[in-house]
Amino acid sequence: MEKQIKTCSVCHEQHTKGIEVFSSFICQHCEVEIVEVDSSHFRYQLLVDQLKRISGAFSY
């Protein structure tokens, strides 16, 4: 079975492994970074903003 290449909604790079969140693909690397980043790290706010952009695409 051939793995499908998808573009990550966080880093915008192409990957074959990751998860689907709100119909958006998040690569395995970004998934781990999101889970492990400390809230005091400079990347934290960047990741939060990217996730807001993904979830903001849907109206409730």
PDB file of N, CA and C in Angstrom:
ATOM      1  N   MET A   1       0.848  -1.176   0.000  1.00  0.00           N
ATOM      2  CA  MET A   1       0.000   0.000   0.000  1.00  0.00           C
ATOM      3  C   MET A   1       0.900   1.248   0.000  1.00  0.00           C
ATOM      4  N   GLU A   2       0.642   2.153  -0.900  1.00  0.00           N
ATOM      5  CA  GLU A   2       1.425   3.376  -1.020  1.00  0.00           C
ATOM      6  C   GLU A   2       0.938   4.418  -0.017  1.00  0.00           C
ATOM      7  N   LYS A   3       1.881   5.057   0.678  1.00  0.00           N
ATOM      8  CA  LYS A   3       1.515   6.074   1.664  1.00  0.00           C
ATOM      9  C   LYS A   3       1.215   7.384   0.960  1.00  0.00           C
ATOM     10  N   GLN A   4       0.180   8.043   1.402  1.00  0.00           N
ATOM     11  CA  GLN A   4      -0.229   9.312   0.808  1.00  0.00           C
ATOM     12  C   GLN A   4       0.585  10.454   1.409  1.00  0.00           C
ATOM     13  N   ILE A   5       1.118  11.305   0.558  1.00  0.00           N
ATOM     14  CA  ILE A   5       1.864  12.473   1.011  1.00  0.00           C
ATOM     15  C   ILE A   5       0.876  13.618   1.196  1.00  0.00           C
ATOM     16  N   LYS A   6       0.931  14.236   2.378  1.00  0.00           N
ATOM     17  CA  LYS A   6       0.032  15.342   2.697  1.00  0.00           C
ATOM     18  C   LYS A   6       0.851  16.525   3.181  1.00  0.00           C
ATOM     19  N   THR A   7       0.276  17.715   3.069  1.00  0.00           N
ATOM     20  CA  THR A   7       0.937  18.928   3.537  1.00  0.00           C
ATOM     21  C   THR A   7       0.452  19.255   4.937  1.00  0.00           C
ATOM     22  N   CYS A   8       1.393  19.425   5.851  1.00  0.00           N
ATOM     23  CA  CYS A   8       1.082  19.733   7.245  1.00  0.00           C
ATOM     24  C   CYS A   8       0.517  21.147   7.360  1.00  0.00           C
ATOM     25  N   SER A   9      -0.543  21.296   8.120  1.00  0.00           N
ATOM     26  CA  SER A   9      -1.178  22.597   8.329  1.00  0.00           C
ATOM     27  C   SER A   9      -0.388  23.490   9.273  1.00  0.00           C
ATOM     28  N   VAL A  10       0.594  22.938   9.966  1.00  0.00           N
ATOM     29  CA  VAL A  10       1.393  23.714  10.904  1.00  0.00           C
ATOM     30  C   VAL A  10       2.704  24.165  10.260  1.00  0.00           C
ATOM     31  N   CYS A  11       3.493  23.213   9.756  1.00  0.00           N
ATOM     32  CA  CYS A  11       4.813  23.553   9.195  1.00  0.00           C
ATOM     33  C   CYS A  11       4.788  23.726   7.678  1.00  0.00           C
ATOM     34  N   HIS A  12       3.701  23.338   7.040  1.00  0.00           N
ATOM     35  CA  HIS A  12       3.498  23.470   5.592  1.00  0.00           C
ATOM     36  C   HIS A  12       4.472  22.628   4.772  1.00  0.00           C
ATOM     37  N   GLU A  13       5.042  21.591   5.371  1.00  0.00           N
ATOM     38  CA  GLU A  13       5.916  20.663   4.671  1.00  0.00           C
ATOM     39  C   GLU A  13       5.134  19.391   4.362  1.00  0.00           C
ATOM     40  N   GLN A  14       5.625  18.618   3.407  1.00  0.00           N
ATOM     41  CA  GLN A  14       4.950  17.391   3.016  1.00  0.00           C
ATOM     42  C   GLN A  14       5.473  16.209   3.820  1.00  0.00           C
ATOM     43  N   HIS A  15       4.526  15.377   4.296  1.00  0.00           N
ATOM     44  CA  HIS A  15       4.854  14.221   5.125  1.00  0.00           C
ATOM     45  C   HIS A  15       3.872  13.091   4.834  1.00  0.00           C
ATOM     46  N   THR A  16       4.239  11.900   5.267  1.00  0.00           N
ATOM     47  CA  THR A  16       3.347  10.749   5.111  1.00  0.00           C
ATOM     48  C   THR A  16       2.736  10.308   6.429  1.00  0.00           C
ATOM     49  N   LYS A  17       3.342  10.709   7.562  1.00  0.00           N
ATOM     50  CA  LYS A  17       2.842  10.288   8.874  1.00  0.00           C
ATOM     51  C   LYS A  17       2.330  11.497   9.637  1.00  0.00           C
ATOM     52  N   GLY A  18       1.165  11.322  10.263  1.00  0.00           N
ATOM     53  CA  GLY A  18       0.596  12.388  11.067  1.00  0.00           C
ATOM     54  C   GLY A  18      -0.842  12.076  11.431  1.00  0.00           C
ATOM     55  N   ILE A  19      -1.554  13.102  11.871  1.00  0.00           N
ATOM     56  CA  ILE A  19      -2.951  12.944  12.291  1.00  0.00           C
ATOM     57  C   ILE A  19      -3.826  13.961  11.562  1.00  0.00           C
ATOM     58  N   GLU A  20      -5.119  13.661  11.519  1.00  0.00           N
ATOM     59  CA  GLU A  20      -6.111  14.571  10.954  1.00  0.00           C
ATOM     60  C   GLU A  20      -6.851  15.239  12.108  1.00  0.00           C
ATOM     61  N   VAL A  21      -6.894  16.559  12.097  1.00  0.00           N
ATOM     62  CA  VAL A  21      -7.601  17.332  13.112  1.00  0.00           C
ATOM     63  C   VAL A  21      -8.471  18.347  12.387  1.00  0.00           C
ATOM     64  N   PHE A  22      -9.772  18.309  12.622  1.00  0.00           N
ATOM     65  CA  PHE A  22     -10.691  19.199  11.919  1.00  0.00           C
ATOM     66  C   PHE A  22     -10.464  19.147  10.408  1.00  0.00           C
ATOM     67  N   SER A  23     -10.250  17.966   9.871  1.00  0.00           N
ATOM     68  CA  SER A  23      -9.990  17.748   8.448  1.00  0.00           C
ATOM     69  C   SER A  23      -8.686  18.383   7.974  1.00  0.00           C
ATOM     70  N   SER A  24      -7.817  18.758   8.879  1.00  0.00           N
ATOM     71  CA  SER A  24      -6.502  19.290   8.539  1.00  0.00           C
ATOM     72  C   SER A  24      -5.452  18.283   8.989  1.00  0.00           C
ATOM     73  N   PHE A  25      -4.388  18.166   8.223  1.00  0.00           N
ATOM     74  CA  PHE A  25      -3.322  17.224   8.521  1.00  0.00           C
ATOM     75  C   PHE A  25      -2.241  17.897   9.360  1.00  0.00           C
ATOM     76  N   ILE A  26      -1.817  17.240  10.440  1.00  0.00           N
ATOM     77  CA  ILE A  26      -0.693  17.688  11.267  1.00  0.00           C
ATOM     78  C   ILE A  26       0.327  16.558  11.260  1.00  0.00           C
ATOM     79  N   CYS A  27       1.545  16.864  10.787  1.00  0.00           N
ATOM     80  CA  CYS A  27       2.582  15.830  10.681  1.00  0.00           C
ATOM     81  C   CYS A  27       3.001  15.350  12.071  1.00  0.00           C
ATOM     82  N   GLN A  28       3.639  14.197  12.073  1.00  0.00           N
ATOM     83  CA  GLN A  28       4.060  13.573  13.332  1.00  0.00           C
ATOM     84  C   GLN A  28       5.030  14.469  14.103  1.00  0.00           C
ATOM     85  N   HIS A  29       5.930  15.133  13.399  1.00  0.00           N
ATOM     86  CA  HIS A  29       6.898  16.019  14.055  1.00  0.00           C
ATOM     87  C   HIS A  29       6.178  17.168  14.777  1.00  0.00           C
ATOM     88  N   CYS A  30       5.240  17.818  14.091  1.00  0.00           N
ATOM     89  CA  CYS A  30       4.513  18.933  14.708  1.00  0.00           C
ATOM     90  C   CYS A  30       3.614  18.452  15.840  1.00  0.00           C
ATOM     91  N   GLU A  31       3.034  17.281  15.683  1.00  0.00           N
ATOM     92  CA  GLU A  31       2.204  16.707  16.740  1.00  0.00           C
ATOM     93  C   GLU A  31       3.012  16.556  18.032  1.00  0.00           C
ATOM     94  N   VAL A  32       4.205  16.009  17.922  1.00  0.00           N
ATOM     95  CA  VAL A  32       5.070  15.825  19.090  1.00  0.00           C
ATOM     96  C   VAL A  32       5.460  17.181  19.661  1.00  0.00           C
ATOM     97  N   GLU A  33       5.803  18.129  18.794  1.00  0.00           N
ATOM     98  CA  GLU A  33       6.198  19.452  19.265  1.00  0.00           C
ATOM     99  C   GLU A  33       5.050  20.134  20.006  1.00  0.00           C
ATOM    100  N   ILE A  34       3.827  20.027  19.499  1.00  0.00           N
ATOM    101  CA  ILE A  34       2.661  20.632  20.143  1.00  0.00           C
ATOM    102  C   ILE A  34       2.472  20.058  21.543  1.00  0.00           C
ATOM    103  N   VAL A  35       2.615  18.759  21.670  1.00  0.00           N
ATOM    104  CA  VAL A  35       2.404  18.090  22.958  1.00  0.00           C
ATOM    105  C   VAL A  35       3.512  18.423  23.959  1.00  0.00           C
ATOM    106  N   GLU A  36       4.741  18.562  23.483  1.00  0.00           N
ATOM    107  CA  GLU A  36       5.879  18.698  24.386  1.00  0.00           C
ATOM    108  C   GLU A  36       6.348  20.131  24.638  1.00  0.00           C
ATOM    109  N   VAL A  37       5.923  21.104  23.850  1.00  0.00           N
ATOM    110  CA  VAL A  37       6.446  22.465  23.995  1.00  0.00           C
ATOM    111  C   VAL A  37       6.009  23.075  25.334  1.00  0.00           C
ATOM    112  N   ASP A  38       6.927  23.738  25.982  1.00  0.00           N
ATOM    113  CA  ASP A  38       6.652  24.426  27.238  1.00  0.00           C
ATOM    114  C   ASP A  38       6.020  25.781  26.922  1.00  0.00           C
ATOM    115  N   SER A  39       5.075  26.197  27.741  1.00  0.00           N
ATOM    116  CA  SER A  39       4.373  27.460  27.476  1.00  0.00           C
ATOM    117  C   SER A  39       5.281  28.686  27.552  1.00  0.00           C
ATOM    118  N   SER A  40       6.469  28.548  28.097  1.00  0.00           N
ATOM    119  CA  SER A  40       7.402  29.674  28.156  1.00  0.00           C
ATOM    120  C   SER A  40       8.328  29.723  26.933  1.00  0.00           C
ATOM    121  N   HIS A  41       8.288  28.677  26.111  1.00  0.00           N
ATOM    122  CA  HIS A  41       9.145  28.626  24.926  1.00  0.00           C
ATOM    123  C   HIS A  41       8.575  29.535  23.829  1.00  0.00           C
ATOM    124  N   PHE A  42       9.447  30.169  23.043  1.00  0.00           N
ATOM    125  CA  PHE A  42       8.991  31.097  22.008  1.00  0.00           C
ATOM    126  C   PHE A  42       8.119  30.409  20.952  1.00  0.00           C
ATOM    127  N   ARG A  43       8.288  29.117  20.718  1.00  0.00           N
ATOM    128  CA  ARG A  43       7.488  28.401  19.710  1.00  0.00           C
ATOM    129  C   ARG A  43       6.053  28.174  20.170  1.00  0.00           C
ATOM    130  N   TYR A  44       5.809  28.250  21.461  1.00  0.00           N
ATOM    131  CA  TYR A  44       4.477  27.972  21.999  1.00  0.00           C
ATOM    132  C   TYR A  44       3.411  28.844  21.346  1.00  0.00           C
ATOM    133  N   GLN A  45       3.605  30.144  21.341  1.00  0.00           N
ATOM    134  CA  GLN A  45       2.593  31.040  20.789  1.00  0.00           C
ATOM    135  C   GLN A  45       2.422  30.837  19.288  1.00  0.00           C
ATOM    136  N   LEU A  46       3.507  30.531  18.589  1.00  0.00           N
ATOM    137  CA  LEU A  46       3.408  30.258  17.154  1.00  0.00           C
ATOM    138  C   LEU A  46       2.531  29.025  16.895  1.00  0.00           C
ATOM    139  N   LEU A  47       2.725  27.991  17.699  1.00  0.00           N
ATOM    140  CA  LEU A  47       1.922  26.783  17.550  1.00  0.00           C
ATOM    141  C   LEU A  47       0.463  27.036  17.913  1.00  0.00           C
ATOM    142  N   VAL A  48       0.218  27.791  18.954  1.00  0.00           N
ATOM    143  CA  VAL A  48      -1.153  28.134  19.344  1.00  0.00           C
ATOM    144  C   VAL A  48      -1.843  28.892  18.210  1.00  0.00           C
ATOM    145  N   ASP A  49      -1.147  29.842  17.614  1.00  0.00           N
ATOM    146  CA  ASP A  49      -1.722  30.615  16.507  1.00  0.00           C
ATOM    147  C   ASP A  49      -2.050  29.725  15.314  1.00  0.00           C
ATOM    148  N   GLN A  50      -1.181  28.769  15.014  1.00  0.00           N
ATOM    149  CA  GLN A  50      -1.441  27.839  13.906  1.00  0.00           C
ATOM    150  C   GLN A  50      -2.670  26.981  14.206  1.00  0.00           C
ATOM    151  N   LEU A  51      -2.794  26.514  15.431  1.00  0.00           N
ATOM    152  CA  LEU A  51      -3.952  25.697  15.799  1.00  0.00           C
ATOM    153  C   LEU A  51      -5.240  26.507  15.782  1.00  0.00           C
ATOM    154  N   LYS A  52      -5.172  27.762  16.172  1.00  0.00           N
ATOM    155  CA  LYS A  52      -6.343  28.632  16.102  1.00  0.00           C
ATOM    156  C   LYS A  52      -6.782  28.812  14.659  1.00  0.00           C
ATOM    157  N   ARG A  53      -5.804  28.940  13.755  1.00  0.00           N
ATOM    158  CA  ARG A  53      -6.121  29.102  12.339  1.00  0.00           C
ATOM    159  C   ARG A  53      -6.834  27.867  11.810  1.00  0.00           C
ATOM    160  N   ILE A  54      -6.379  26.683  12.228  1.00  0.00           N
ATOM    161  CA  ILE A  54      -7.011  25.432  11.798  1.00  0.00           C
ATOM    162  C   ILE A  54      -8.437  25.351  12.331  1.00  0.00           C
ATOM    163  N   SER A  55      -8.618  25.588  13.625  1.00  0.00           N
ATOM    164  CA  SER A  55      -9.954  25.468  14.216  1.00  0.00           C
ATOM    165  C   SER A  55     -10.863  26.613  13.801  1.00  0.00           C
ATOM    166  N   GLY A  56     -10.288  27.762  13.462  1.00  0.00           N
ATOM    167  CA  GLY A  56     -11.085  28.914  13.034  1.00  0.00           C
ATOM    168  C   GLY A  56     -11.718  28.750  11.665  1.00  0.00           C
ATOM    169  N   ALA A  57     -11.281  27.757  10.912  1.00  0.00           N
ATOM    170  CA  ALA A  57     -11.832  27.508   9.585  1.00  0.00           C
ATOM    171  C   ALA A  57     -13.232  26.907   9.668  1.00  0.00           C
ATOM    172  N   PHE A  58     -13.646  26.541  10.874  1.00  0.00           N
ATOM    173  CA  PHE A  58     -14.956  25.905  11.062  1.00  0.00           C
ATOM    174  C   PHE A  58     -15.833  26.804  11.919  1.00  0.00           C
ATOM    175  N   SER A  59     -17.056  27.002  11.462  1.00  0.00           N
ATOM    176  CA  SER A  59     -18.005  27.781  12.275  1.00  0.00           C
ATOM    177  C   SER A  59     -18.897  26.807  13.032  1.00  0.00           C
ATOM    178  N   TYR A  60     -19.222  27.154  14.248  1.00  0.00           N
ATOM    179  CA  TYR A  60     -20.001  26.267  15.104  1.00  0.00           C
ATOM    180  C   TYR A  60     -21.401  26.775  15.270  1.00  0.00           C
TER     181      TYR A  60
END
